[in-house]
Amino acid sequence: MGRSAPASFLLHALVVFSTLLVRQSTGAKDEVYATTLSSDSFLLGTRVLGYALRRVNATRPFMVLCTTDVSQASMDRLRLDGFIVHKTTPLHTPYKATHVLNKYQYTKIRLWTYTDYAKIIHIDADCLPMVNVDELFDCGHFCAVMRHSDMFNSGVFTLVPDQTVYEDMMNKRTELESYDGGDQGGTEDGAQNKLFAKGVHRLSFFYNADVGMYYLNSHFIRQPKIIHYTLGPVKPWIWWTYPLFDQNWQWLVVRELVEATTGPSTSLPTATLLLLTIIMFAVYYTFTRILRRSKRLSMMAQAADSTSAKAAPVLLIGLGTMVAYGVVPEQMHPYTAWCLFGVVQFSTTFLLNCCYCDAQRMALQ
C-alpha cells in the first residue's frame, strides 16, 4: 500500500496475459472486489473500504485475503460484516532484508490463484471508492493506473485469475529486480516493453487518485472515483490528521456509517470526556484559590526572574502534550480522541505544575 511504482514480476505477468487470451472466461464464474490484509492495524481501513463499496451500490461481493498475521478476532469481525474472508500465508519480498516495511506486499499475487472467480478488482485498504466502479469488471485481463510515467501503482488493479500466471510470477519474483522491494517496484525498461501487451489497459487517474497529487494539483482534478491515501503513515484513521487533511473527512463519513451499524470502536463516550474536562477545570480553579490564600503565588512571583522559572511553563506544557499524544489510541474517532487528548494534556500539565509549585515553595522557605 502507498506510493510506489510497479514490480517487475507483475509487469512480466502482462506478457503472460497476452498469451493466455485464448482462455476466455465462460461468464459463469463470479466476480469480486478484493483487498489484502496483513496486520490488524489495517482492519479499520479494510472495514471502511467494504462499507464504502456497499455505500456506492457495488454489485459484487467484497473479499478479504488475510495473512496468518491477522488475528482470529479480526477475521471474525470481517465475517460479521458480511465479507468473504480467505486465509493465506504471507508472501515475503525477496528484498525484506533491506525493505522491511514492504515485506508483505508480494502477498497480492496470491489473488491469481483464486480461479473460482472470473475477474477480481483489487483495492488497497487505504483507498476510498467515491462512486460505483463496477465498470472496471469490463476492463481487460489486467488494468491499472500509470500514475508515475510508465509505471503503474498496485493500489487499484483488475486481474483475471490464472494459475499459470501465478506460477510464472512466483518463478520470476527472485529474478526480476524491484527497486522498492515491493510488488510495485520494477525497472522502467521492463514497463516500457510490456505495457502494450494485448489485454492490458491503462486506467484513468480518477480510479486511483493519489491524495498527495490531489493536493498538489487539485485545481486540475475533478472529484476522483477512488481516493488513495498514500501519504506514508498519515492514514485517515489516525485521529490527529483531521485538522490537516480535508479529504480525510470523506473517509470519516464512511467510518461513522460502520460504527453506526456495528457500534463504536471505542468504549469511552465523548460525553464522559467532556465531563472529565469540566471536572479538571473545577479542580484547577479550586487549586488556584488555595494558592492565593496561602500566598504561594506571591512567593513564586519572587522567583519569576530565574531562567528555570521562565522556561518552566513551556516545558510543562510540552511534557503534558507528549504524554497526551502517547496515551490517545491512534485509531480512536477524532472527536473523542481530541477530547481525550485535551483531558490528558490538561491534567498532566496541571499535576506537573503542582509539583513545580511545591518545589518552588520549598526552595523559597
Protein backbone atom coordinates (compact mmCIF):
# COMPACT_ATOMS: atom_id res chain seq x y z
CA MET A 1 0.00 0.00 0.00
CA GLY A 2 1.10 3.50 -0.58
CA ARG A 3 3.03 5.33 -3.22
CA SER A 4 5.50 3.44 -5.44
CA ALA A 5 5.87 2.02 -8.96
CA PRO A 6 5.17 -1.48 -10.44
CA ALA A 7 7.07 -4.65 -9.67
CA SER A 8 8.89 -6.43 -12.44
CA PHE A 9 7.23 -9.72 -11.61
CA LEU A 10 3.82 -8.07 -12.05
CA LEU A 11 4.94 -6.38 -15.23
CA HIS A 12 6.28 -9.66 -16.53
CA ALA A 13 2.82 -11.10 -15.95
CA LEU A 14 1.40 -8.70 -18.52
CA VAL A 15 3.20 -10.56 -21.28
CA VAL A 16 1.89 -13.84 -19.93
CA PHE A 17 -1.63 -12.42 -20.07
CA SER A 18 -1.32 -11.79 -23.78
CA THR A 19 -0.52 -15.46 -24.39
CA LEU A 20 -3.47 -16.65 -22.32
CA LEU A 21 -6.25 -14.69 -24.00
CA VAL A 22 -7.45 -17.87 -25.63
CA ARG A 23 -8.65 -18.90 -22.17
CA GLN A 24 -11.62 -16.55 -22.15
CA SER A 25 -13.88 -16.59 -19.11
CA THR A 26 -17.10 -18.53 -19.58
CA GLY A 27 -19.16 -15.87 -17.80
CA ALA A 28 -20.50 -18.44 -15.35
CA LYS A 29 -17.95 -17.57 -12.67
CA ASP A 30 -18.45 -14.89 -10.06
CA GLU A 31 -16.63 -11.58 -9.98
CA VAL A 32 -15.43 -9.98 -6.77
CA TYR A 33 -13.80 -6.93 -5.20
CA ALA A 34 -10.82 -7.83 -3.04
CA THR A 35 -8.15 -6.45 -0.74
CA THR A 36 -5.24 -7.95 1.18
CA LEU A 37 -4.89 -7.60 4.95
CA SER A 38 -1.58 -8.44 6.59
CA SER A 39 -1.98 -6.89 10.05
CA ASP A 40 -4.69 -5.89 12.50
CA SER A 41 -3.62 -2.26 12.20
CA PHE A 42 -5.34 -2.04 8.79
CA LEU A 43 -8.56 -3.73 9.95
CA LEU A 44 -10.47 -0.46 10.30
CA GLY A 45 -9.36 0.67 6.84
CA THR A 46 -10.46 -2.68 5.40
CA ARG A 47 -13.88 -2.44 7.01
CA VAL A 48 -14.38 1.12 5.78
CA LEU A 49 -13.41 0.00 2.27
CA GLY A 50 -16.01 -2.76 2.34
CA TYR A 51 -18.75 -0.46 3.62
CA ALA A 52 -17.77 2.20 1.08
CA LEU A 53 -18.36 -0.32 -1.72
CA ARG A 54 -21.81 -1.02 -0.30
CA ARG A 55 -22.48 2.69 0.02
CA VAL A 56 -21.91 3.21 -3.72
CA ASN A 57 -24.09 0.17 -4.52
CA ALA A 58 -21.34 -2.12 -5.80
CA THR A 59 -22.97 -5.21 -7.33
CA ARG A 60 -20.18 -7.67 -6.50
CA PRO A 61 -19.19 -9.04 -3.08
CA PHE A 62 -16.09 -7.97 -1.17
CA MET A 63 -13.35 -10.49 -0.39
CA VAL A 64 -10.52 -10.01 2.12
CA LEU A 65 -7.35 -12.05 1.74
CA CYS A 66 -5.94 -12.27 5.29
CA THR A 67 -2.43 -13.45 6.08
CA THR A 68 -1.64 -15.59 9.11
CA ASP A 69 -0.54 -12.41 10.94
CA VAL A 70 -4.16 -11.26 11.17
CA SER A 71 -5.87 -12.26 14.41
CA GLN A 72 -8.87 -14.57 14.53
CA ALA A 73 -10.89 -11.78 16.16
CA SER A 74 -10.24 -9.51 13.16
CA MET A 75 -11.28 -12.20 10.70
CA ASP A 76 -14.43 -12.90 12.72
CA ARG A 77 -15.24 -9.19 12.66
CA LEU A 78 -14.92 -9.14 8.86
CA ARG A 79 -17.20 -12.15 8.53
CA LEU A 80 -19.78 -10.48 10.79
CA ASP A 81 -19.62 -7.50 8.44
CA GLY A 82 -20.73 -9.86 5.68
CA PHE A 83 -17.43 -10.00 3.80
CA ILE A 84 -15.80 -13.07 2.25
CA VAL A 85 -12.65 -13.98 4.20
CA HIS A 86 -9.84 -16.21 2.93
CA LYS A 87 -6.73 -17.02 4.94
CA THR A 88 -3.31 -17.34 3.32
CA THR A 89 0.35 -17.38 4.27
CA PRO A 90 2.22 -14.11 3.78
CA LEU A 91 4.41 -13.92 0.70
CA HIS A 92 7.52 -12.08 1.78
CA THR A 93 9.51 -9.95 -0.60
CA PRO A 94 12.92 -11.36 -1.58
CA TYR A 95 14.29 -7.96 -0.51
CA LYS A 96 12.93 -7.96 3.06
CA ALA A 97 16.45 -7.54 4.47
CA THR A 98 16.60 -4.02 3.03
CA HIS A 99 12.87 -3.25 2.65
CA VAL A 100 11.28 -4.27 5.94
CA LEU A 101 8.18 -2.11 5.56
CA ASN A 102 7.22 -3.82 2.30
CA LYS A 103 7.66 -7.38 3.49
CA TYR A 104 4.04 -8.37 2.91
CA GLN A 105 3.37 -6.62 -0.39
CA TYR A 106 4.05 -9.66 -2.57
CA THR A 107 1.04 -11.40 -0.98
CA LYS A 108 -1.16 -9.68 -3.55
CA ILE A 109 -0.06 -12.07 -6.27
CA ARG A 110 -1.86 -14.87 -4.41
CA LEU A 111 -5.03 -13.38 -5.92
CA TRP A 112 -4.14 -15.03 -9.22
CA THR A 113 -4.75 -18.43 -7.61
CA TYR A 114 -8.43 -17.74 -6.93
CA THR A 115 -9.57 -19.20 -10.23
CA ASP A 116 -13.12 -19.70 -8.95
CA TYR A 117 -13.58 -16.04 -9.83
CA ALA A 118 -13.78 -14.81 -13.40
CA LYS A 119 -12.31 -11.42 -12.52
CA ILE A 120 -11.05 -9.62 -9.42
CA ILE A 121 -10.72 -5.90 -8.74
CA HIS A 122 -8.08 -5.40 -6.08
CA ILE A 123 -8.30 -2.20 -4.00
CA ASP A 124 -5.86 -1.35 -1.21
CA ALA A 125 -7.32 -0.94 2.29
CA ASP A 126 -6.21 2.71 2.37
CA CYS A 127 -8.45 3.56 -0.59
CA LEU A 128 -11.96 5.02 -0.58
CA PRO A 129 -14.36 4.45 -3.51
CA MET A 130 -16.42 7.61 -4.00
CA VAL A 131 -18.71 6.26 -6.76
CA ASN A 132 -19.67 2.90 -8.21
CA VAL A 133 -16.76 1.47 -10.23
CA ASP A 134 -18.36 -1.77 -11.44
CA GLU A 135 -17.36 -0.78 -14.97
CA LEU A 136 -13.83 -1.95 -14.14
CA PHE A 137 -15.06 -5.53 -14.48
CA ASP A 138 -15.45 -4.82 -18.20
CA CYS A 139 -11.76 -4.00 -18.46
CA GLY A 140 -9.15 -6.33 -19.97
CA HIS A 141 -7.07 -9.07 -18.38
CA PHE A 142 -5.03 -6.51 -16.47
CA CYS A 143 -5.89 -2.85 -15.86
CA ALA A 144 -4.11 -0.31 -13.66
CA VAL A 145 -3.36 3.39 -13.32
CA MET A 146 0.01 4.52 -14.68
CA ARG A 147 0.48 7.32 -12.18
CA HIS A 148 4.25 7.62 -12.41
CA SER A 149 5.23 7.95 -16.06
CA ASP A 150 5.21 4.37 -17.43
CA MET A 151 4.96 2.69 -14.02
CA PHE A 152 1.67 1.57 -12.55
CA ASN A 153 0.51 1.68 -8.94
CA SER A 154 -0.86 -1.54 -7.50
CA GLY A 155 -3.32 0.19 -5.18
CA VAL A 156 -6.11 -0.49 -7.68
CA PHE A 157 -5.95 -3.04 -10.46
CA THR A 158 -8.14 -5.53 -12.30
CA LEU A 159 -6.95 -9.09 -12.91
CA VAL A 160 -8.14 -12.39 -14.34
CA PRO A 161 -7.06 -15.23 -12.00
CA ASP A 162 -4.92 -17.87 -13.66
CA GLN A 163 -2.73 -20.49 -12.03
CA THR A 164 -0.23 -20.37 -14.90
CA VAL A 165 0.26 -16.65 -14.45
CA TYR A 166 0.70 -17.11 -10.71
CA GLU A 167 3.34 -19.81 -11.15
CA ASP A 168 5.17 -17.69 -13.70
CA MET A 169 5.27 -14.72 -11.31
CA MET A 170 6.44 -16.95 -8.47
CA ASN A 171 9.28 -18.23 -10.63
CA LYS A 172 10.29 -14.74 -11.73
CA ARG A 173 9.97 -12.85 -8.44
CA THR A 174 13.52 -13.68 -7.30
CA GLU A 175 15.00 -12.94 -10.74
CA LEU A 176 13.45 -9.58 -11.56
CA GLU A 177 14.77 -6.51 -9.80
CA SER A 178 12.45 -4.46 -7.57
CA TYR A 179 13.82 -1.04 -6.71
CA ASP A 180 11.50 -0.56 -3.73
CA GLY A 181 11.38 -4.17 -2.57
CA GLY A 182 7.63 -4.36 -3.05
CA ASP A 183 5.08 -5.54 -5.57
CA GLN A 184 5.23 -2.24 -7.41
CA GLY A 185 8.97 -1.85 -7.71
CA GLY A 186 10.40 -2.62 -11.11
CA THR A 187 12.64 -1.36 -13.88
CA GLU A 188 11.43 1.28 -16.32
CA ASP A 189 12.66 -0.73 -19.30
CA GLY A 190 10.53 -3.67 -18.25
CA ALA A 191 7.48 -1.47 -18.05
CA GLN A 192 8.07 0.02 -21.48
CA ASN A 193 8.33 -3.45 -23.05
CA LYS A 194 5.11 -4.81 -21.54
CA LEU A 195 2.55 -2.04 -21.28
CA PHE A 196 1.25 -2.56 -24.80
CA ALA A 197 0.56 -6.29 -24.46
CA LYS A 198 -2.88 -7.38 -25.62
CA GLY A 199 -5.48 -7.35 -22.84
CA VAL A 200 -3.58 -4.77 -20.78
CA HIS A 201 -5.29 -1.41 -20.32
CA ARG A 202 -4.31 1.85 -18.71
CA LEU A 203 -6.91 3.29 -16.33
CA SER A 204 -7.65 6.95 -15.73
CA PHE A 205 -6.05 8.67 -12.75
CA PHE A 206 -9.55 9.02 -11.28
CA TYR A 207 -9.63 5.30 -10.46
CA ASN A 208 -6.57 5.59 -8.19
CA ALA A 209 -6.24 9.22 -7.19
CA ASP A 210 -3.10 9.71 -5.14
CA VAL A 211 -4.20 12.06 -2.37
CA GLY A 212 -0.77 13.73 -2.41
CA MET A 213 -1.09 14.53 -6.11
CA TYR A 214 -4.63 15.70 -5.44
CA TYR A 215 -3.34 18.34 -3.02
CA LEU A 216 -0.62 19.41 -5.44
CA ASN A 217 -2.90 19.67 -8.49
CA SER A 218 -6.42 19.81 -7.10
CA HIS A 219 -7.35 22.77 -9.31
CA PHE A 220 -6.87 20.48 -12.34
CA ILE A 221 -8.75 17.50 -10.93
CA ARG A 222 -12.44 16.69 -10.77
CA GLN A 223 -13.84 14.53 -7.97
CA PRO A 224 -11.91 11.22 -8.16
CA LYS A 225 -13.67 7.86 -8.35
CA ILE A 226 -11.30 6.25 -5.83
CA ILE A 227 -9.13 8.22 -3.40
CA HIS A 228 -5.86 6.54 -2.40
CA TYR A 229 -4.48 7.82 0.92
CA THR A 230 -0.80 7.39 0.13
CA LEU A 231 0.81 9.96 2.43
CA GLY A 232 3.07 7.47 4.18
CA PRO A 233 1.99 6.84 7.78
CA VAL A 234 -0.60 9.64 7.69
CA LYS A 235 -3.70 7.49 7.18
CA PRO A 236 -7.30 8.73 7.60
CA TRP A 237 -7.90 6.53 10.65
CA ILE A 238 -5.23 8.42 12.62
CA TRP A 239 -7.03 10.91 14.87
CA TRP A 240 -4.65 13.86 14.72
CA THR A 241 -4.74 14.12 10.90
CA TYR A 242 -8.17 15.72 10.77
CA PRO A 243 -7.19 19.36 11.18
CA LEU A 244 -4.60 18.81 8.44
CA PHE A 245 -6.20 16.93 5.52
CA ASP A 246 -9.70 17.78 4.31
CA GLN A 247 -10.00 14.61 2.21
CA ASN A 248 -9.92 12.56 5.42
CA TRP A 249 -13.38 13.86 6.31
CA GLN A 250 -14.87 11.91 3.40
CA TRP A 251 -13.33 8.73 4.81
CA LEU A 252 -14.68 9.62 8.26
CA VAL A 253 -18.24 9.73 6.88
CA VAL A 254 -17.98 6.05 5.94
CA ARG A 255 -16.28 5.18 9.23
CA GLU A 256 -19.24 6.66 11.08
CA LEU A 257 -21.54 4.55 8.91
CA VAL A 258 -19.57 1.47 10.02
CA GLU A 259 -19.79 2.42 13.69
CA ALA A 260 -23.49 3.31 13.42
CA THR A 261 -24.10 -0.20 12.11
CA THR A 262 -21.82 -2.27 14.35
CA GLY A 263 -21.13 0.01 17.32
CA PRO A 264 -18.33 2.49 18.09
CA SER A 265 -14.72 1.36 18.00
CA THR A 266 -14.10 2.97 21.40
CA SER A 267 -15.85 2.38 24.71
CA LEU A 268 -15.07 5.88 26.00
CA PRO A 269 -18.02 8.20 25.15
CA THR A 270 -17.33 11.79 24.19
CA ALA A 271 -19.80 12.98 26.87
CA THR A 272 -17.67 11.30 29.54
CA LEU A 273 -14.59 13.12 28.31
CA LEU A 274 -16.40 16.44 28.32
CA LEU A 275 -17.47 15.79 31.91
CA LEU A 276 -13.88 14.99 32.86
CA THR A 277 -12.74 18.24 31.26
CA ILE A 278 -15.25 20.23 33.33
CA ILE A 279 -14.12 18.44 36.49
CA MET A 280 -10.47 19.22 35.73
CA PHE A 281 -11.24 22.92 35.27
CA ALA A 282 -13.13 22.90 38.59
CA VAL A 283 -10.15 21.29 40.32
CA TYR A 284 -7.80 23.82 38.74
CA TYR A 285 -9.99 26.72 39.88
CA THR A 286 -10.09 25.37 43.44
CA PHE A 287 -6.32 24.84 43.46
CA THR A 288 -5.58 28.42 42.35
CA ARG A 289 -7.82 29.82 45.11
CA ILE A 290 -5.93 27.75 47.67
CA LEU A 291 -2.65 29.09 46.31
CA ARG A 292 -3.85 32.66 46.67
CA ARG A 293 -4.91 32.11 50.25
CA SER A 294 -1.60 30.53 51.17
CA LYS A 295 0.30 33.29 49.35
CA ARG A 296 2.22 30.76 47.29
CA LEU A 297 1.58 32.74 44.13
CA SER A 298 3.41 35.75 45.54
CA MET A 299 6.27 33.51 46.60
CA MET A 300 6.50 32.09 43.08
CA ALA A 301 6.45 35.58 41.62
CA GLN A 302 9.61 36.39 43.57
CA ALA A 303 11.39 33.59 41.70
CA ALA A 304 9.96 34.50 38.29
CA ASP A 305 13.17 36.22 37.22
CA SER A 306 15.11 33.00 37.21
CA THR A 307 15.77 31.23 33.91
CA SER A 308 14.21 28.00 35.15
CA ALA A 309 11.01 29.78 36.15
CA LYS A 310 10.66 31.35 32.70
CA ALA A 311 11.26 28.08 30.89
CA ALA A 312 9.08 26.00 33.20
CA PRO A 313 5.68 26.80 31.60
CA VAL A 314 6.88 25.80 28.13
CA LEU A 315 8.47 22.61 29.42
CA LEU A 316 5.42 21.64 31.47
CA ILE A 317 3.05 22.17 28.54
CA GLY A 318 5.40 20.27 26.24
CA LEU A 319 5.62 17.30 28.60
CA GLY A 320 1.86 17.28 29.04
CA THR A 321 1.39 17.28 25.28
CA MET A 322 3.81 14.40 24.78
CA VAL A 323 2.10 12.30 27.45
CA ALA A 324 -1.33 13.00 25.98
CA TYR A 325 -0.17 12.08 22.47
CA GLY A 326 1.17 8.77 23.74
CA VAL A 327 -1.99 7.93 25.68
CA VAL A 328 -4.61 8.52 22.96
CA PRO A 329 -5.21 5.38 20.84
CA GLU A 330 -4.12 6.03 17.26
CA GLN A 331 -7.37 4.87 15.65
CA MET A 332 -9.83 6.46 18.08
CA HIS A 333 -12.58 8.55 16.50
CA PRO A 334 -11.10 12.05 16.05
CA TYR A 335 -13.83 13.84 18.04
CA THR A 336 -13.38 11.55 21.01
CA ALA A 337 -9.61 11.48 20.57
CA TRP A 338 -9.26 15.25 20.68
CA CYS A 339 -11.41 15.39 23.83
CA LEU A 340 -9.28 12.70 25.47
CA PHE A 341 -6.12 14.47 24.33
CA GLY A 342 -7.34 17.70 25.93
CA VAL A 343 -8.20 15.99 29.22
CA VAL A 344 -4.90 14.12 29.47
CA GLN A 345 -2.83 17.10 28.34
CA PHE A 346 -4.55 19.42 30.80
CA SER A 347 -4.46 17.02 33.75
CA THR A 348 -0.82 16.05 33.15
CA THR A 349 0.27 19.66 32.82
CA PHE A 350 -1.77 20.53 35.92
CA LEU A 351 -0.16 17.80 38.03
CA LEU A 352 3.32 18.75 36.82
CA ASN A 353 2.54 22.36 37.66
CA CYS A 354 1.53 21.33 41.19
CA CYS A 355 4.84 19.55 41.63
CA TYR A 356 6.68 22.59 40.30
CA CYS A 357 4.82 24.90 42.70
CA ASP A 358 5.71 22.72 45.66
CA ALA A 359 9.34 22.65 44.58
CA GLN A 360 9.41 26.44 44.29
CA ARG A 361 7.76 26.83 47.69
CA MET A 362 10.29 24.55 49.35
CA ALA A 363 13.15 26.38 47.66
CA LEU A 364 11.93 29.74 48.95
CA GLN A 365 11.36 28.62 52.54
